[in-house]
Amino acid sequence: MIRIASGGLWLGVGLAKMAALVWLIDERWQLALLALLAAWSLAGLALWLRRLHRA
């Protein structure tokens, strides 16, 4: 179950990074920054979840 949740989080990281790229191209800097912040947060949560699973 934790693997599925971690995989979903990594999928969210990829989607957030794609959204940030699109918004950067459209010159919507605040939305791009928010998407990058969301990507970093999701990545941190996925790594924390994996570490919790291994402990």
N, C-alpha and C. Protein backbone atom coordinates (compact mmCIF):
# COMPACT_ATOMS: atom_id res chain seq x y z
N MET A 1 0.83 -1.20 0.00
CA MET A 1 0.00 0.00 0.00
C MET A 1 0.87 1.26 0.00
N ILE A 2 1.96 1.20 0.77
CA ILE A 2 2.83 2.37 0.83
C ILE A 2 3.52 2.59 -0.51
N ARG A 3 3.85 1.50 -1.22
CA ARG A 3 4.46 1.63 -2.55
C ARG A 3 3.52 2.33 -3.52
N ILE A 4 2.24 1.99 -3.46
CA ILE A 4 1.26 2.61 -4.34
C ILE A 4 1.13 4.10 -4.02
N ALA A 5 1.09 4.43 -2.74
CA ALA A 5 0.99 5.83 -2.33
C ALA A 5 2.24 6.59 -2.75
N SER A 6 3.40 5.99 -2.59
CA SER A 6 4.65 6.64 -2.99
C SER A 6 4.69 6.84 -4.50
N GLY A 7 4.24 5.84 -5.25
CA GLY A 7 4.18 5.97 -6.70
C GLY A 7 3.24 7.09 -7.13
N GLY A 8 2.12 7.19 -6.45
CA GLY A 8 1.18 8.28 -6.74
C GLY A 8 1.77 9.65 -6.45
N LEU A 9 2.54 9.73 -5.37
CA LEU A 9 3.19 11.00 -5.04
C LEU A 9 4.21 11.37 -6.10
N TRP A 10 4.99 10.38 -6.58
CA TRP A 10 5.98 10.67 -7.62
C TRP A 10 5.29 11.07 -8.93
N LEU A 11 4.13 10.49 -9.21
CA LEU A 11 3.35 10.91 -10.37
C LEU A 11 2.92 12.36 -10.21
N GLY A 12 2.51 12.71 -9.01
CA GLY A 12 2.14 14.10 -8.73
C GLY A 12 3.31 15.05 -8.89
N VAL A 13 4.51 14.60 -8.53
CA VAL A 13 5.71 15.42 -8.72
C VAL A 13 5.91 15.72 -10.20
N GLY A 14 5.79 14.69 -11.02
CA GLY A 14 5.95 14.88 -12.46
C GLY A 14 4.90 15.82 -13.04
N LEU A 15 3.67 15.65 -12.61
CA LEU A 15 2.60 16.52 -13.11
C LEU A 15 2.79 17.97 -12.67
N ALA A 16 3.22 18.16 -11.45
CA ALA A 16 3.45 19.52 -10.96
C ALA A 16 4.61 20.18 -11.71
N LYS A 17 5.64 19.40 -12.03
CA LYS A 17 6.77 19.96 -12.79
C LYS A 17 6.34 20.32 -14.21
N MET A 18 5.48 19.51 -14.80
CA MET A 18 4.97 19.83 -16.14
C MET A 18 4.12 21.09 -16.11
N ALA A 19 3.29 21.21 -15.08
CA ALA A 19 2.46 22.41 -14.94
C ALA A 19 3.34 23.64 -14.77
N ALA A 20 4.40 23.51 -14.00
CA ALA A 20 5.31 24.64 -13.79
C ALA A 20 5.95 25.05 -15.12
N LEU A 21 6.33 24.08 -15.91
CA LEU A 21 6.94 24.39 -17.21
C LEU A 21 5.95 25.11 -18.12
N VAL A 22 4.72 24.64 -18.14
CA VAL A 22 3.70 25.30 -18.98
C VAL A 22 3.47 26.73 -18.51
N TRP A 23 3.38 26.91 -17.21
CA TRP A 23 3.14 28.26 -16.70
C TRP A 23 4.34 29.17 -16.89
N LEU A 24 5.54 28.61 -16.88
CA LEU A 24 6.72 29.43 -17.18
C LEU A 24 6.68 29.90 -18.63
N ILE A 25 6.29 29.01 -19.52
CA ILE A 25 6.18 29.39 -20.94
C ILE A 25 5.12 30.47 -21.12
N ASP A 26 4.02 30.36 -20.37
CA ASP A 26 2.95 31.37 -20.44
C ASP A 26 3.26 32.62 -19.63
N GLU A 27 4.43 32.66 -19.01
CA GLU A 27 4.89 33.79 -18.19
C GLU A 27 3.98 34.06 -16.99
N ARG A 28 3.52 33.01 -16.38
CA ARG A 28 2.76 33.12 -15.13
C ARG A 28 3.68 32.67 -14.01
N TRP A 29 4.53 33.58 -13.56
CA TRP A 29 5.62 33.25 -12.66
C TRP A 29 5.14 32.76 -11.31
N GLN A 30 4.10 33.40 -10.78
CA GLN A 30 3.63 33.00 -9.45
C GLN A 30 3.07 31.57 -9.46
N LEU A 31 2.30 31.24 -10.49
CA LEU A 31 1.75 29.89 -10.57
C LEU A 31 2.86 28.86 -10.80
N ALA A 32 3.85 29.22 -11.59
CA ALA A 32 4.97 28.30 -11.82
C ALA A 32 5.73 28.05 -10.52
N LEU A 33 5.96 29.10 -9.76
CA LEU A 33 6.65 28.94 -8.48
C LEU A 33 5.83 28.09 -7.51
N LEU A 34 4.53 28.29 -7.51
CA LEU A 34 3.65 27.49 -6.65
C LEU A 34 3.68 26.02 -7.06
N ALA A 35 3.69 25.75 -8.36
CA ALA A 35 3.75 24.36 -8.83
C ALA A 35 5.08 23.72 -8.47
N LEU A 36 6.17 24.47 -8.57
CA LEU A 36 7.47 23.92 -8.18
C LEU A 36 7.53 23.65 -6.68
N LEU A 37 6.94 24.52 -5.92
CA LEU A 37 6.88 24.30 -4.47
C LEU A 37 6.06 23.05 -4.15
N ALA A 38 4.96 22.86 -4.87
CA ALA A 38 4.15 21.65 -4.68
C ALA A 38 4.95 20.41 -5.07
N ALA A 39 5.72 20.49 -6.16
CA ALA A 39 6.52 19.35 -6.59
C ALA A 39 7.56 18.98 -5.53
N TRP A 40 8.23 19.96 -4.99
CA TRP A 40 9.22 19.69 -3.95
C TRP A 40 8.56 19.12 -2.70
N SER A 41 7.39 19.62 -2.36
CA SER A 41 6.68 19.10 -1.18
C SER A 41 6.25 17.66 -1.38
N LEU A 42 5.73 17.34 -2.56
CA LEU A 42 5.33 15.97 -2.85
C LEU A 42 6.53 15.04 -2.86
N ALA A 43 7.65 15.49 -3.40
CA ALA A 43 8.86 14.66 -3.42
C ALA A 43 9.34 14.40 -1.99
N GLY A 44 9.33 15.42 -1.17
CA GLY A 44 9.73 15.24 0.23
C GLY A 44 8.81 14.29 0.96
N LEU A 45 7.52 14.38 0.70
CA LEU A 45 6.57 13.47 1.33
C LEU A 45 6.79 12.04 0.86
N ALA A 46 7.07 11.86 -0.44
CA ALA A 46 7.32 10.50 -0.96
C ALA A 46 8.58 9.91 -0.34
N LEU A 47 9.63 10.71 -0.20
CA LEU A 47 10.85 10.22 0.42
C LEU A 47 10.64 9.90 1.89
N TRP A 48 9.88 10.74 2.58
CA TRP A 48 9.59 10.48 3.99
C TRP A 48 8.78 9.20 4.15
N LEU A 49 7.82 8.99 3.24
CA LEU A 49 7.00 7.79 3.30
C LEU A 49 7.84 6.53 3.06
N ARG A 50 8.77 6.60 2.13
CA ARG A 50 9.66 5.46 1.87
C ARG A 50 10.54 5.17 3.08
N ARG A 51 11.04 6.24 3.70
CA ARG A 51 11.89 6.05 4.89
C ARG A 51 11.08 5.47 6.04
N LEU A 52 9.86 5.92 6.19
CA LEU A 52 8.99 5.39 7.22
C LEU A 52 8.70 3.92 6.99
N HIS A 53 8.57 3.53 5.74
CA HIS A 53 8.29 2.14 5.40
C HIS A 53 9.48 1.24 5.70
N ARG A 54 10.69 1.74 5.48
CA ARG A 54 11.90 0.94 5.71
C ARG A 54 12.25 0.83 7.19
N ALA A 55 11.79 1.75 8.00
CA ALA A 55 12.13 1.72 9.44
C ALA A 55 11.37 0.68 10.21
